[in-house]
Amino acid sequence: MRNYKDKDKEKKGRALEKKFKDFQQRLGVEFHNDKLLKQAFTHSSYVNEHRRKPYEDNERLEFLGDAVLELTVSKFLYIKYPMMSEGELTKLRAAVVCEPSLVAFANELSFGELVLLGKGEEMTGGRMRPALLADVFEAFIGALYLDLGIDPVVTFLENVVYPKIDSGAFAHVMDFKSQLQELVQRDGAGVIEYKILHEKGPAHNREFVSIVSLSGKELGTGTGRSKKQAEQHAAQMALEVLKNHVK
């Protein structure tokens, strides 16, 4: 019986090793310290059930990852949105690093499949618990920073997080229309006008397409689930155009 248990543990261990190896290949990262990577995915409930072995949970890595995430996202937003005030930047950063956003990022990368949980936590659905997934995402950022430095963290965020910001996923907390109006008024460039080009889809899943023009010249087009969101997205595109024109 003991021999069977040992073989079963070895089999599970090899399967876990393969999971972590495949995970790194999928993300395009390679940890020098595999123990650090595993620690990022180790929940305290797992450590409590394996006290005889030197496992360490991910809570300290989560603490570090939270700070690294705030710094890297802050720098990205500071550079990307030169017209945005401190208050607006703070509001946007909060939306990017809040629990629901981190959970969405973690789910997109199937982080839940790798989490090491205690039996009780597993049985009560801990693997899909939002707070747990958000913590794991932060812990992974912390582990990545400790093992490989800041550049791989930025590269990871460029692939996973920043594209969401660029696509307007957080437009609901950003006032691009006010930024655009302020820029145009400051430069005395003309009059801003928004138009809804068309709307499509069923009533419960409507998508709007908006265009923004400056004195009759088209500056940007945006889409959204509401007219307001579409206009905000169009204003965001217009700001990008004007910013690149200045360069």
Protein backbone atom coordinates (compact mmCIF):
# COMPACT_ATOMS: atom_id res chain seq x y z
CA MET A 1 0.00 0.00 0.00
CA ARG A 2 2.79 2.38 0.90
CA ASN A 3 4.59 1.60 -2.33
CA TYR A 4 1.44 2.40 -4.29
CA LYS A 5 1.10 5.73 -2.47
CA ASP A 6 4.72 6.59 -3.21
CA LYS A 7 4.25 5.85 -6.90
CA ASP A 8 1.07 7.90 -6.96
CA LYS A 9 2.87 10.86 -5.39
CA GLU A 10 5.69 10.57 -7.89
CA LYS A 11 3.20 10.50 -10.75
CA LYS A 12 1.41 13.58 -9.45
CA GLY A 13 4.75 15.31 -8.92
CA ARG A 14 5.82 14.69 -12.51
CA ALA A 15 2.44 15.89 -13.79
CA LEU A 16 2.81 19.11 -11.77
CA GLU A 17 6.35 19.67 -13.05
CA LYS A 18 5.08 19.33 -16.61
CA LYS A 19 2.25 21.77 -15.92
CA PHE A 20 4.67 24.42 -14.70
CA LYS A 21 7.04 23.77 -17.60
CA ASP A 22 4.24 24.07 -20.15
CA PHE A 23 2.99 27.18 -18.38
CA GLN A 24 6.37 28.91 -18.73
CA GLN A 25 6.62 27.96 -22.40
CA ARG A 26 3.16 29.33 -23.02
CA LEU A 27 4.07 32.65 -21.40
CA GLY A 28 7.51 32.81 -22.97
CA VAL A 29 9.33 33.04 -19.62
CA GLU A 30 11.84 30.74 -17.98
CA PHE A 31 12.42 30.91 -14.24
CA HIS A 32 15.90 30.27 -12.87
CA ASN A 33 14.38 29.32 -9.53
CA ASP A 34 11.49 26.90 -10.06
CA LYS A 35 10.75 26.86 -6.33
CA LEU A 36 9.94 30.56 -6.49
CA LEU A 37 7.47 29.97 -9.31
CA LYS A 38 5.74 27.17 -7.38
CA GLN A 39 5.63 29.31 -4.26
CA ALA A 40 3.68 31.93 -6.20
CA PHE A 41 0.95 29.35 -6.75
CA THR A 42 1.02 27.82 -3.27
CA HIS A 43 -1.96 28.70 -1.09
CA SER A 44 -1.65 28.76 2.70
CA SER A 45 -4.16 25.89 2.95
CA TYR A 46 -1.72 23.63 1.07
CA VAL A 47 1.14 24.54 3.40
CA ASN A 48 -1.03 23.80 6.45
CA GLU A 49 -1.67 20.27 5.16
CA HIS A 50 1.99 19.58 4.37
CA ARG A 51 3.71 20.81 7.51
CA ARG A 52 6.39 18.11 7.38
CA LYS A 53 7.69 19.48 4.09
CA PRO A 54 9.32 22.92 3.68
CA TYR A 55 6.59 24.54 1.61
CA GLU A 56 6.08 28.30 1.76
CA ASP A 57 2.84 30.02 0.77
CA ASN A 58 2.53 32.92 -1.65
CA GLU A 59 1.49 35.67 0.75
CA ARG A 60 4.89 37.42 0.92
CA LEU A 61 5.24 37.25 -2.87
CA GLU A 62 1.75 38.73 -3.15
CA PHE A 63 2.88 41.68 -1.00
CA LEU A 64 5.86 42.30 -3.27
CA GLY A 65 3.93 41.74 -6.50
CA ASP A 66 1.30 44.28 -5.47
CA ALA A 67 4.00 46.98 -5.21
CA VAL A 68 5.72 45.96 -8.47
CA LEU A 69 2.40 45.95 -10.31
CA GLU A 70 1.50 49.43 -9.05
CA LEU A 71 4.90 50.81 -10.07
CA THR A 72 4.96 49.31 -13.57
CA VAL A 73 1.35 50.18 -14.36
CA SER A 74 1.86 53.71 -12.99
CA LYS A 75 4.85 54.28 -15.27
CA PHE A 76 2.96 52.96 -18.30
CA LEU A 77 -0.03 55.23 -17.63
CA TYR A 78 2.17 58.26 -16.87
CA ILE A 79 3.90 57.97 -20.25
CA LYS A 80 0.84 56.97 -22.26
CA TYR A 81 -1.51 59.71 -21.02
CA PRO A 82 0.44 62.99 -20.71
CA MET A 83 -2.78 65.01 -20.51
CA MET A 84 -4.19 63.05 -17.59
CA SER A 85 -4.21 64.61 -14.11
CA GLU A 86 -2.92 62.87 -10.99
CA GLY A 87 -6.47 62.13 -9.87
CA GLU A 88 -7.41 60.61 -13.24
CA LEU A 89 -4.23 58.52 -13.32
CA THR A 90 -4.92 57.24 -9.81
CA LYS A 91 -8.50 56.33 -10.75
CA LEU A 92 -7.37 54.50 -13.87
CA ARG A 93 -4.58 52.62 -12.10
CA ALA A 94 -7.05 51.53 -9.43
CA ALA A 95 -9.29 50.06 -12.13
CA VAL A 96 -6.41 48.21 -13.77
CA VAL A 97 -5.07 46.63 -10.58
CA CYS A 98 -8.38 46.04 -8.77
CA GLU A 99 -9.46 42.50 -7.89
CA PRO A 100 -11.92 41.96 -10.79
CA SER A 101 -9.27 43.01 -13.32
CA LEU A 102 -6.59 40.79 -11.81
CA VAL A 103 -9.03 37.87 -11.75
CA ALA A 104 -9.77 38.42 -15.45
CA PHE A 105 -6.04 38.42 -16.26
CA ALA A 106 -5.49 35.27 -14.16
CA ASN A 107 -8.40 33.45 -15.79
CA GLU A 108 -7.21 34.39 -19.25
CA LEU A 109 -3.92 32.61 -18.48
CA SER A 110 -5.57 29.70 -16.62
CA PHE A 111 -3.72 30.47 -13.39
CA GLY A 112 -6.34 28.55 -11.41
CA GLU A 113 -5.23 25.23 -12.88
CA LEU A 114 -1.79 25.57 -11.27
CA VAL A 115 -2.76 26.65 -7.77
CA LEU A 116 -1.73 24.25 -4.99
CA LEU A 117 -4.62 24.04 -2.53
CA GLY A 118 -5.46 22.14 0.62
CA LYS A 119 -8.24 19.57 0.30
CA GLY A 120 -10.76 21.66 2.20
CA GLU A 121 -10.13 24.74 0.09
CA GLU A 122 -10.33 22.63 -3.05
CA MET A 123 -13.66 21.11 -2.05
CA THR A 124 -15.23 24.51 -1.39
CA GLY A 125 -14.30 25.88 -4.83
CA GLY A 126 -11.21 27.80 -3.79
CA ARG A 127 -9.60 27.32 -7.18
CA MET A 128 -12.14 29.71 -8.71
CA ARG A 129 -12.40 32.13 -5.78
CA PRO A 130 -11.78 35.69 -7.05
CA ALA A 131 -9.69 36.87 -4.09
CA LEU A 132 -7.46 33.79 -4.36
CA LEU A 133 -6.90 34.26 -8.10
CA ALA A 134 -6.11 37.96 -7.70
CA ASP A 135 -3.59 37.12 -4.97
CA VAL A 136 -1.97 34.48 -7.18
CA PHE A 137 -1.60 36.96 -10.04
CA GLU A 138 0.16 39.43 -7.75
CA ALA A 139 2.32 36.66 -6.28
CA PHE A 140 3.37 35.61 -9.79
CA ILE A 141 4.40 39.20 -10.57
CA GLY A 142 6.42 39.23 -7.34
CA ALA A 143 8.12 35.92 -8.17
CA LEU A 144 8.89 37.04 -11.72
CA TYR A 145 10.44 40.25 -10.42
CA LEU A 146 12.53 38.49 -7.77
CA ASP A 147 13.80 35.83 -10.15
CA LEU A 148 14.31 37.72 -13.40
CA GLY A 149 14.07 41.45 -12.65
CA ILE A 150 11.83 44.27 -13.81
CA ASP A 151 12.25 43.91 -17.60
CA PRO A 152 10.55 40.47 -17.84
CA VAL A 153 7.72 41.84 -15.68
CA VAL A 154 7.21 44.72 -18.11
CA THR A 155 7.34 42.32 -21.07
CA PHE A 156 4.72 40.12 -19.40
CA LEU A 157 2.46 43.11 -18.77
CA GLU A 158 2.95 44.29 -22.37
CA ASN A 159 1.50 40.96 -23.49
CA VAL A 160 -1.27 40.58 -20.91
CA VAL A 161 -2.33 43.87 -19.32
CA TYR A 162 -1.31 46.86 -21.43
CA PRO A 163 -3.18 45.72 -24.58
CA LYS A 164 -6.39 45.79 -22.53
CA ILE A 165 -5.71 49.41 -21.60
CA ASP A 166 -4.90 50.28 -25.22
CA SER A 167 -8.12 48.66 -26.47
CA GLY A 168 -10.27 50.81 -24.19
CA ALA A 169 -11.24 48.11 -21.68
CA PHE A 170 -11.02 50.70 -18.89
CA ALA A 171 -12.61 53.56 -20.79
CA HIS A 172 -15.48 53.56 -18.29
CA VAL A 173 -13.23 55.18 -15.69
CA MET A 174 -11.45 57.53 -18.10
CA ASP A 175 -12.71 60.83 -19.45
CA PHE A 176 -11.00 61.01 -22.83
CA LYS A 177 -13.62 63.43 -24.12
CA SER A 178 -12.63 66.04 -21.52
CA GLN A 179 -8.94 65.50 -22.27
CA LEU A 180 -9.56 65.98 -25.99
CA GLN A 181 -11.67 69.09 -25.40
CA GLU A 182 -8.98 70.55 -23.14
CA LEU A 183 -6.26 69.90 -25.73
CA VAL A 184 -8.28 71.42 -28.57
CA GLN A 185 -9.25 74.50 -26.55
CA ARG A 186 -5.67 75.02 -25.40
CA ASP A 187 -4.38 74.99 -28.97
CA GLY A 188 -7.37 76.82 -30.42
CA ALA A 189 -7.58 74.08 -33.04
CA GLY A 190 -11.30 74.19 -33.82
CA VAL A 191 -14.59 72.54 -32.87
CA ILE A 192 -15.00 68.92 -31.71
CA GLU A 193 -18.04 66.98 -32.94
CA TYR A 194 -19.19 63.40 -32.24
CA LYS A 195 -21.48 61.28 -34.42
CA ILE A 196 -22.79 57.75 -34.06
CA LEU A 197 -22.09 56.09 -37.42
CA HIS A 198 -24.17 53.00 -36.76
CA GLU A 199 -25.24 50.47 -34.16
CA LYS A 200 -25.45 46.72 -34.50
CA GLY A 201 -26.37 43.59 -32.62
CA PRO A 202 -29.46 42.61 -30.56
CA ALA A 203 -30.84 44.94 -27.89
CA HIS A 204 -29.19 42.99 -25.04
CA ASN A 205 -25.78 43.05 -26.77
CA ARG A 206 -25.75 46.29 -28.76
CA GLU A 207 -22.51 47.74 -30.15
CA PHE A 208 -22.17 51.38 -31.19
CA VAL A 209 -19.62 52.92 -33.55
CA SER A 210 -18.78 56.59 -33.05
CA ILE A 211 -16.65 59.04 -35.00
CA VAL A 212 -15.07 62.22 -33.66
CA SER A 213 -14.03 65.06 -35.93
CA LEU A 214 -12.21 68.35 -35.48
CA SER A 215 -13.71 71.12 -37.61
CA GLY A 216 -14.99 68.51 -40.06
CA LYS A 217 -11.77 66.46 -40.18
CA GLU A 218 -12.06 62.90 -38.85
CA LEU A 219 -9.73 62.21 -35.93
CA GLY A 220 -10.82 58.88 -34.51
CA THR A 221 -13.35 56.06 -34.53
CA GLY A 222 -14.42 54.05 -31.50
CA THR A 223 -16.74 51.23 -30.53
CA GLY A 224 -18.59 50.51 -27.30
CA ARG A 225 -21.58 48.89 -25.64
CA SER A 226 -23.16 52.32 -25.25
CA LYS A 227 -23.04 55.61 -27.16
CA LYS A 228 -21.05 57.16 -24.33
CA GLN A 229 -18.48 54.36 -24.33
CA ALA A 230 -18.13 54.53 -28.12
CA GLU A 231 -17.55 58.30 -27.96
CA GLN A 232 -14.97 57.89 -25.20
CA HIS A 233 -13.14 55.28 -27.27
CA ALA A 234 -13.23 57.57 -30.33
CA ALA A 235 -11.82 60.42 -28.23
CA GLN A 236 -9.06 58.10 -27.01
CA MET A 237 -8.12 57.29 -30.62
CA ALA A 238 -8.18 61.00 -31.48
CA LEU A 239 -5.82 61.79 -28.61
CA GLU A 240 -3.41 59.12 -29.92
CA VAL A 241 -3.51 60.70 -33.37
CA LEU A 242 -2.87 64.20 -32.04
CA LYS A 243 -0.12 62.99 -29.72
CA ASN A 244 1.68 61.23 -32.59
CA HIS A 245 1.22 64.30 -34.80
CA VAL A 246 2.99 66.44 -32.20
CA LYS A 247 5.91 63.97 -32.17
